[in-house]
Amino acid sequence: MSLDWECPRDQIRVAFNSDGEGGFLASGYPRPIPGVAPDSNLKGVSFAAANVTGILACLLEDRPEIRSLQDLSRILEASE
């Protein structure tokens, strides 16, 4: 799991290196707080991990046919 500061908070990305190993990338920003600029709030890899976890939980709840990381990666890549 890695940070991608350009990734929208409501999305995650799957990236593979030249060896075929993959991982998730996500925004390191938390949900917005009214009246607080995103750069003034806490941010970082822990929020990226939470964003990945939340998005994957919702996806898996809605798509019970997902049985493997390959299934999940295929669906995420198709949605990009």
PDB file of N, CA and C in Angstrom:
ATOM      1  N   MET A   1       0.849  -1.159   0.000  1.00  0.00           N
ATOM      2  CA  MET A   1       0.000   0.000   0.000  1.00  0.00           C
ATOM      3  C   MET A   1       0.897   1.225   0.000  1.00  0.00           C
ATOM      4  N   SER A   2       0.559   2.189  -0.857  1.00  0.00           N
ATOM      5  CA  SER A   2       1.357   3.407  -0.969  1.00  0.00           C
ATOM      6  C   SER A   2       0.454   4.619  -1.088  1.00  0.00           C
ATOM      7  N   LEU A   3       1.035   5.748  -0.790  1.00  0.00           N
ATOM      8  CA  LEU A   3       0.334   7.022  -0.943  1.00  0.00           C
ATOM      9  C   LEU A   3       0.327   7.463  -2.391  1.00  0.00           C
ATOM     10  N   ASP A   4      -0.768   8.060  -2.782  1.00  0.00           N
ATOM     11  CA  ASP A   4      -0.862   8.731  -4.083  1.00  0.00           C
ATOM     12  C   ASP A   4      -1.629  10.021  -3.814  1.00  0.00           C
ATOM     13  N   TRP A   5      -0.903  11.098  -3.649  1.00  0.00           N
ATOM     14  CA  TRP A   5      -1.530  12.371  -3.281  1.00  0.00           C
ATOM     15  C   TRP A   5      -2.462  12.872  -4.371  1.00  0.00           C
ATOM     16  N   GLU A   6      -2.324  12.389  -5.588  1.00  0.00           N
ATOM     17  CA  GLU A   6      -3.177  12.831  -6.696  1.00  0.00           C
ATOM     18  C   GLU A   6      -4.462  12.001  -6.799  1.00  0.00           C
ATOM     19  N   CYS A   7      -4.523  10.889  -6.106  1.00  0.00           N
ATOM     20  CA  CYS A   7      -5.685  10.010  -6.168  1.00  0.00           C
ATOM     21  C   CYS A   7      -6.852  10.654  -5.412  1.00  0.00           C
ATOM     22  N   PRO A   8      -8.038  10.706  -6.024  1.00  0.00           N
ATOM     23  CA  PRO A   8      -9.201  11.223  -5.292  1.00  0.00           C
ATOM     24  C   PRO A   8      -9.472  10.372  -4.053  1.00  0.00           C
ATOM     25  N   ARG A   9      -9.998  10.989  -3.020  1.00  0.00           N
ATOM     26  CA  ARG A   9     -10.219  10.304  -1.750  1.00  0.00           C
ATOM     27  C   ARG A   9     -11.187   9.136  -1.859  1.00  0.00           C
ATOM     28  N   ASP A  10     -12.086   9.174  -2.822  1.00  0.00           N
ATOM     29  CA  ASP A  10     -13.091   8.119  -2.948  1.00  0.00           C
ATOM     30  C   ASP A  10     -12.691   7.042  -3.960  1.00  0.00           C
ATOM     31  N   GLN A  11     -11.406   6.989  -4.302  1.00  0.00           N
ATOM     32  CA  GLN A  11     -10.918   5.996  -5.256  1.00  0.00           C
ATOM     33  C   GLN A  11      -9.624   5.368  -4.749  1.00  0.00           C
ATOM     34  N   ILE A  12      -9.344   4.183  -5.240  1.00  0.00           N
ATOM     35  CA  ILE A  12      -8.044   3.554  -5.012  1.00  0.00           C
ATOM     36  C   ILE A  12      -7.533   3.078  -6.365  1.00  0.00           C
ATOM     37  N   ARG A  13      -6.241   2.861  -6.439  1.00  0.00           N
ATOM     38  CA  ARG A  13      -5.638   2.382  -7.674  1.00  0.00           C
ATOM     39  C   ARG A  13      -4.823   1.136  -7.378  1.00  0.00           C
ATOM     40  N   VAL A  14      -4.674   0.314  -8.396  1.00  0.00           N
ATOM     41  CA  VAL A  14      -3.829  -0.869  -8.315  1.00  0.00           C
ATOM     42  C   VAL A  14      -2.652  -0.621  -9.246  1.00  0.00           C
ATOM     43  N   ALA A  15      -1.456  -0.846  -8.756  1.00  0.00           N
ATOM     44  CA  ALA A  15      -0.259  -0.654  -9.581  1.00  0.00           C
ATOM     45  C   ALA A  15       0.599  -1.905  -9.493  1.00  0.00           C
ATOM     46  N   PHE A  16       1.177  -2.286 -10.634  1.00  0.00           N
ATOM     47  CA  PHE A  16       2.051  -3.450 -10.695  1.00  0.00           C
ATOM     48  C   PHE A  16       3.436  -3.008 -11.144  1.00  0.00           C
ATOM     49  N   ASN A  17       4.461  -3.593 -10.536  1.00  0.00           N
ATOM     50  CA  ASN A  17       5.830  -3.282 -10.978  1.00  0.00           C
ATOM     51  C   ASN A  17       6.230  -4.248 -12.096  1.00  0.00           C
ATOM     52  N   SER A  18       7.455  -4.145 -12.552  1.00  0.00           N
ATOM     53  CA  SER A  18       7.914  -4.977 -13.677  1.00  0.00           C
ATOM     54  C   SER A  18       7.962  -6.467 -13.340  1.00  0.00           C
ATOM     55  N   ASP A  19       7.976  -6.807 -12.038  1.00  0.00           N
ATOM     56  CA  ASP A  19       7.967  -8.210 -11.626  1.00  0.00           C
ATOM     57  C   ASP A  19       6.554  -8.774 -11.487  1.00  0.00           C
ATOM     58  N   GLY A  20       5.546  -7.926 -11.756  1.00  0.00           N
ATOM     59  CA  GLY A  20       4.169  -8.379 -11.642  1.00  0.00           C
ATOM     60  C   GLY A  20       3.598  -8.286 -10.242  1.00  0.00           C
ATOM     61  N   GLU A  21       4.375  -7.746  -9.304  1.00  0.00           N
ATOM     62  CA  GLU A  21       3.873  -7.570  -7.944  1.00  0.00           C
ATOM     63  C   GLU A  21       3.039  -6.301  -7.890  1.00  0.00           C
ATOM     64  N   GLY A  22       1.921  -6.381  -7.181  1.00  0.00           N
ATOM     65  CA  GLY A  22       1.018  -5.239  -7.152  1.00  0.00           C
ATOM     66  C   GLY A  22       0.737  -4.740  -5.754  1.00  0.00           C
ATOM     67  N   GLY A  23       0.122  -3.596  -5.730  1.00  0.00           N
ATOM     68  CA  GLY A  23      -0.279  -3.000  -4.474  1.00  0.00           C
ATOM     69  C   GLY A  23      -1.311  -1.921  -4.725  1.00  0.00           C
ATOM     70  N   PHE A  24      -1.893  -1.446  -3.658  1.00  0.00           N
ATOM     71  CA  PHE A  24      -2.904  -0.413  -3.741  1.00  0.00           C
ATOM     72  C   PHE A  24      -2.286   0.947  -3.477  1.00  0.00           C
ATOM     73  N   LEU A  25      -2.814   1.949  -4.178  1.00  0.00           N
ATOM     74  CA  LEU A  25      -2.425   3.333  -3.949  1.00  0.00           C
ATOM     75  C   LEU A  25      -3.693   4.098  -3.596  1.00  0.00           C
ATOM     76  N   ALA A  26      -3.565   5.039  -2.656  1.00  0.00           N
ATOM     77  CA  ALA A  26      -4.735   5.810  -2.236  1.00  0.00           C
ATOM     78  C   ALA A  26      -4.303   7.171  -1.708  1.00  0.00           C
ATOM     79  N   SER A  27      -5.283   8.042  -1.619  1.00  0.00           N
ATOM     80  CA  SER A  27      -5.062   9.364  -1.053  1.00  0.00           C
ATOM     81  C   SER A  27      -4.697   9.258   0.423  1.00  0.00           C
ATOM     82  N   GLY A  28      -3.830  10.136   0.859  1.00  0.00           N
ATOM     83  CA  GLY A  28      -3.459  10.180   2.271  1.00  0.00           C
ATOM     84  C   GLY A  28      -4.238  11.213   3.055  1.00  0.00           C
ATOM     85  N   TYR A  29      -5.284  11.774   2.437  1.00  0.00           N
ATOM     86  CA  TYR A  29      -6.094  12.783   3.111  1.00  0.00           C
ATOM     87  C   TYR A  29      -7.301  12.144   3.787  1.00  0.00           C
ATOM     88  N   PRO A  30      -7.694  12.645   4.955  1.00  0.00           N
ATOM     89  CA  PRO A  30      -8.913  12.163   5.604  1.00  0.00           C
ATOM     90  C   PRO A  30     -10.136  12.813   4.973  1.00  0.00           C
ATOM     91  N   ARG A  31     -11.311  12.450   5.462  1.00  0.00           N
ATOM     92  CA  ARG A  31     -12.527  13.099   4.963  1.00  0.00           C
ATOM     93  C   ARG A  31     -12.468  14.588   5.287  1.00  0.00           C
ATOM     94  N   PRO A  32     -13.142  15.408   4.503  1.00  0.00           N
ATOM     95  CA  PRO A  32     -13.095  16.855   4.736  1.00  0.00           C
ATOM     96  C   PRO A  32     -13.715  17.246   6.077  1.00  0.00           C
ATOM     97  N   ILE A  33     -13.168  18.276   6.657  1.00  0.00           N
ATOM     98  CA  ILE A  33     -13.719  18.875   7.865  1.00  0.00           C
ATOM     99  C   ILE A  33     -14.141  20.291   7.488  1.00  0.00           C
ATOM    100  N   PRO A  34     -15.415  20.633   7.679  1.00  0.00           N
ATOM    101  CA  PRO A  34     -15.860  21.971   7.303  1.00  0.00           C
ATOM    102  C   PRO A  34     -15.007  23.067   7.954  1.00  0.00           C
ATOM    103  N   GLY A  35     -14.551  23.983   7.130  1.00  0.00           N
ATOM    104  CA  GLY A  35     -13.775  25.114   7.618  1.00  0.00           C
ATOM    105  C   GLY A  35     -12.294  24.847   7.811  1.00  0.00           C
ATOM    106  N   VAL A  36     -11.836  23.634   7.519  1.00  0.00           N
ATOM    107  CA  VAL A  36     -10.422  23.293   7.675  1.00  0.00           C
ATOM    108  C   VAL A  36      -9.862  22.899   6.310  1.00  0.00           C
ATOM    109  N   ALA A  37      -8.829  23.578   5.888  1.00  0.00           N
ATOM    110  CA  ALA A  37      -8.185  23.243   4.616  1.00  0.00           C
ATOM    111  C   ALA A  37      -7.564  21.854   4.703  1.00  0.00           C
ATOM    112  N   PRO A  38      -7.640  21.043   3.625  1.00  0.00           N
ATOM    113  CA  PRO A  38      -7.074  19.687   3.670  1.00  0.00           C
ATOM    114  C   PRO A  38      -5.604  19.656   4.098  1.00  0.00           C
ATOM    115  N   ASP A  39      -4.812  20.652   3.668  1.00  0.00           N
ATOM    116  CA  ASP A  39      -3.397  20.662   4.034  1.00  0.00           C
ATOM    117  C   ASP A  39      -3.162  21.039   5.496  1.00  0.00           C
ATOM    118  N   SER A  40      -4.187  21.567   6.165  1.00  0.00           N
ATOM    119  CA  SER A  40      -4.053  21.936   7.577  1.00  0.00           C
ATOM    120  C   SER A  40      -4.458  20.796   8.500  1.00  0.00           C
ATOM    121  N   ASN A  41      -5.062  19.768   7.944  1.00  0.00           N
ATOM    122  CA  ASN A  41      -5.518  18.638   8.741  1.00  0.00           C
ATOM    123  C   ASN A  41      -4.416  17.571   8.796  1.00  0.00           C
ATOM    124  N   LEU A  42      -4.587  16.595   9.663  1.00  0.00           N
ATOM    125  CA  LEU A  42      -3.680  15.453   9.683  1.00  0.00           C
ATOM    126  C   LEU A  42      -3.791  14.723   8.355  1.00  0.00           C
ATOM    127  N   LYS A  43      -2.713  14.084   7.938  1.00  0.00           N
ATOM    128  CA  LYS A  43      -2.718  13.346   6.677  1.00  0.00           C
ATOM    129  C   LYS A  43      -1.558  12.362   6.683  1.00  0.00           C
ATOM    130  N   GLY A  44      -1.596  11.411   5.778  1.00  0.00           N
ATOM    131  CA  GLY A  44      -0.472  10.497   5.653  1.00  0.00           C
ATOM    132  C   GLY A  44      -0.886   9.076   5.342  1.00  0.00           C
ATOM    133  N   VAL A  45       0.068   8.189   5.480  1.00  0.00           N
ATOM    134  CA  VAL A  45      -0.126   6.792   5.076  1.00  0.00           C
ATOM    135  C   VAL A  45      -1.226   6.103   5.879  1.00  0.00           C
ATOM    136  N   SER A  46      -1.432   6.484   7.130  1.00  0.00           N
ATOM    137  CA  SER A  46      -2.499   5.838   7.912  1.00  0.00           C
ATOM    138  C   SER A  46      -3.866   6.155   7.320  1.00  0.00           C
ATOM    139  N   PHE A  47      -4.037   7.361   6.786  1.00  0.00           N
ATOM    140  CA  PHE A  47      -5.302   7.695   6.131  1.00  0.00           C
ATOM    141  C   PHE A  47      -5.422   6.971   4.793  1.00  0.00           C
ATOM    142  N   ALA A  48      -4.329   6.790   4.086  1.00  0.00           N
ATOM    143  CA  ALA A  48      -4.357   6.025   2.842  1.00  0.00           C
ATOM    144  C   ALA A  48      -4.789   4.583   3.140  1.00  0.00           C
ATOM    145  N   ALA A  49      -4.257   4.003   4.202  1.00  0.00           N
ATOM    146  CA  ALA A  49      -4.642   2.636   4.578  1.00  0.00           C
ATOM    147  C   ALA A  49      -6.121   2.571   4.933  1.00  0.00           C
ATOM    148  N   ALA A  50      -6.605   3.564   5.655  1.00  0.00           N
ATOM    149  CA  ALA A  50      -8.033   3.600   6.005  1.00  0.00           C
ATOM    150  C   ALA A  50      -8.894   3.779   4.757  1.00  0.00           C
ATOM    151  N   ASN A  51      -8.460   4.625   3.829  1.00  0.00           N
ATOM    152  CA  ASN A  51      -9.217   4.824   2.591  1.00  0.00           C
ATOM    153  C   ASN A  51      -9.292   3.529   1.789  1.00  0.00           C
ATOM    154  N   VAL A  52      -8.175   2.814   1.670  1.00  0.00           N
ATOM    155  CA  VAL A  52      -8.170   1.534   0.946  1.00  0.00           C
ATOM    156  C   VAL A  52      -9.108   0.545   1.632  1.00  0.00           C
ATOM    157  N   THR A  53      -9.001   0.430   2.939  1.00  0.00           N
ATOM    158  CA  THR A  53      -9.818  -0.521   3.686  1.00  0.00           C
ATOM    159  C   THR A  53     -11.304  -0.241   3.516  1.00  0.00           C
ATOM    160  N   GLY A  54     -11.688   1.015   3.647  1.00  0.00           N
ATOM    161  CA  GLY A  54     -13.104   1.369   3.521  1.00  0.00           C
ATOM    162  C   GLY A  54     -13.653   1.109   2.128  1.00  0.00           C
ATOM    163  N   ILE A  55     -12.895   1.498   1.114  1.00  0.00           N
ATOM    164  CA  ILE A  55     -13.350   1.299  -0.265  1.00  0.00           C
ATOM    165  C   ILE A  55     -13.433  -0.188  -0.593  1.00  0.00           C
ATOM    166  N   LEU A  56     -12.432  -0.956  -0.181  1.00  0.00           N
ATOM    167  CA  LEU A  56     -12.471  -2.401  -0.442  1.00  0.00           C
ATOM    168  C   LEU A  56     -13.610  -3.074   0.305  1.00  0.00           C
ATOM    169  N   ALA A  57     -13.881  -2.669   1.534  1.00  0.00           N
ATOM    170  CA  ALA A  57     -14.986  -3.255   2.302  1.00  0.00           C
ATOM    171  C   ALA A  57     -16.318  -3.022   1.598  1.00  0.00           C
ATOM    172  N   CYS A  58     -16.537  -1.798   1.115  1.00  0.00           N
ATOM    173  CA  CYS A  58     -17.777  -1.494   0.390  1.00  0.00           C
ATOM    174  C   CYS A  58     -17.864  -2.296  -0.903  1.00  0.00           C
ATOM    175  N   LEU A  59     -16.771  -2.391  -1.621  1.00  0.00           N
ATOM    176  CA  LEU A  59     -16.751  -3.131  -2.883  1.00  0.00           C
ATOM    177  C   LEU A  59     -17.040  -4.611  -2.649  1.00  0.00           C
ATOM    178  N   LEU A  60     -16.393  -5.194  -1.655  1.00  0.00           N
ATOM    179  CA  LEU A  60     -16.594  -6.616  -1.374  1.00  0.00           C
ATOM    180  C   LEU A  60     -18.005  -6.904  -0.877  1.00  0.00           C
ATOM    181  N   GLU A  61     -18.582  -5.969  -0.162  1.00  0.00           N
ATOM    182  CA  GLU A  61     -19.959  -6.133   0.307  1.00  0.00           C
ATOM    183  C   GLU A  61     -20.936  -6.140  -0.873  1.00  0.00           C
ATOM    184  N   ASP A  62     -20.677  -5.278  -1.851  1.00  0.00           N
ATOM    185  CA  ASP A  62     -21.560  -5.160  -3.016  1.00  0.00           C
ATOM    186  C   ASP A  62     -21.294  -6.205  -4.094  1.00  0.00           C
ATOM    187  N   ARG A  63     -20.126  -6.835  -4.072  1.00  0.00           N
ATOM    188  CA  ARG A  63     -19.734  -7.770  -5.147  1.00  0.00           C
ATOM    189  C   ARG A  63     -19.281  -9.115  -4.555  1.00  0.00           C
ATOM    190  N   PRO A  64     -20.211  -9.932  -4.085  1.00  0.00           N
ATOM    191  CA  PRO A  64     -19.825 -11.205  -3.454  1.00  0.00           C
ATOM    192  C   PRO A  64     -19.109 -12.173  -4.386  1.00  0.00           C
ATOM    193  N   GLU A  65     -19.159 -11.913  -5.704  1.00  0.00           N
ATOM    194  CA  GLU A  65     -18.465 -12.807  -6.642  1.00  0.00           C
ATOM    195  C   GLU A  65     -16.957 -12.631  -6.603  1.00  0.00           C
ATOM    196  N   ILE A  66     -16.471 -11.590  -5.951  1.00  0.00           N
ATOM    197  CA  ILE A  66     -15.020 -11.387  -5.842  1.00  0.00           C
ATOM    198  C   ILE A  66     -14.474 -12.430  -4.868  1.00  0.00           C
ATOM    199  N   ARG A  67     -13.595 -13.294  -5.368  1.00  0.00           N
ATOM    200  CA  ARG A  67     -13.057 -14.403  -4.561  1.00  0.00           C
ATOM    201  C   ARG A  67     -11.546 -14.352  -4.404  1.00  0.00           C
ATOM    202  N   SER A  68     -10.886 -13.466  -5.156  1.00  0.00           N
ATOM    203  CA  SER A  68      -9.425 -13.449  -5.103  1.00  0.00           C
ATOM    204  C   SER A  68      -8.913 -12.035  -5.346  1.00  0.00           C
ATOM    205  N   LEU A  69      -7.641 -11.848  -5.075  1.00  0.00           N
ATOM    206  CA  LEU A  69      -7.001 -10.566  -5.352  1.00  0.00           C
ATOM    207  C   LEU A  69      -7.003 -10.286  -6.849  1.00  0.00           C
ATOM    208  N   GLN A  70      -6.885 -11.316  -7.650  1.00  0.00           N
ATOM    209  CA  GLN A  70      -6.926 -11.137  -9.103  1.00  0.00           C
ATOM    210  C   GLN A  70      -8.301 -10.631  -9.551  1.00  0.00           C
ATOM    211  N   ASP A  71      -9.369 -11.199  -8.991  1.00  0.00           N
ATOM    212  CA  ASP A  71     -10.721 -10.711  -9.300  1.00  0.00           C
ATOM    213  C   ASP A  71     -10.845  -9.238  -8.923  1.00  0.00           C
ATOM    214  N   LEU A  72     -10.382  -8.920  -7.743  1.00  0.00           N
ATOM    215  CA  LEU A  72     -10.458  -7.550  -7.241  1.00  0.00           C
ATOM    216  C   LEU A  72      -9.649  -6.598  -8.116  1.00  0.00           C
ATOM    217  N   SER A  73      -8.444  -6.978  -8.457  1.00  0.00           N
ATOM    218  CA  SER A  73      -7.591  -6.141  -9.301  1.00  0.00           C
ATOM    219  C   SER A  73      -8.228  -5.910 -10.663  1.00  0.00           C
ATOM    220  N   ARG A  74      -8.815  -6.946 -11.237  1.00  0.00           N
ATOM    221  CA  ARG A  74      -9.450  -6.838 -12.548  1.00  0.00           C
ATOM    222  C   ARG A  74     -10.607  -5.832 -12.498  1.00  0.00           C
ATOM    223  N   ILE A  75     -11.406  -5.889 -11.461  1.00  0.00           N
ATOM    224  CA  ILE A  75     -12.549  -4.976 -11.316  1.00  0.00           C
ATOM    225  C   ILE A  75     -12.057  -3.542 -11.102  1.00  0.00           C
ATOM    226  N   LEU A  76     -11.049  -3.366 -10.261  1.00  0.00           N
ATOM    227  CA  LEU A  76     -10.533  -2.021 -10.013  1.00  0.00           C
ATOM    228  C   LEU A  76      -9.896  -1.422 -11.262  1.00  0.00           C
ATOM    229  N   GLU A  77      -9.137  -2.215 -11.988  1.00  0.00           N
ATOM    230  CA  GLU A  77      -8.500  -1.711 -13.198  1.00  0.00           C
ATOM    231  C   GLU A  77      -9.531  -1.348 -14.267  1.00  0.00           C
ATOM    232  N   ALA A  78     -10.627  -2.111 -14.335  1.00  0.00           N
ATOM    233  CA  ALA A  78     -11.677  -1.822 -15.315  1.00  0.00           C
ATOM    234  C   ALA A  78     -12.399  -0.518 -14.986  1.00  0.00           C
ATOM    235  N   SER A  79     -12.405  -0.138 -13.724  1.00  0.00           N
ATOM    236  CA  SER A  79     -13.133   1.072 -13.325  1.00  0.00           C
ATOM    237  C   SER A  79     -12.305   2.341 -13.466  1.00  0.00           C
ATOM    238  N   GLU A  80     -11.021   2.216 -13.772  1.00  0.00           N
ATOM    239  CA  GLU A  80     -10.159   3.407 -13.897  1.00  0.00           C
ATOM    240  C   GLU A  80     -10.384   4.117 -15.199  1.00  0.00           C
TER     241      GLU A  80
END
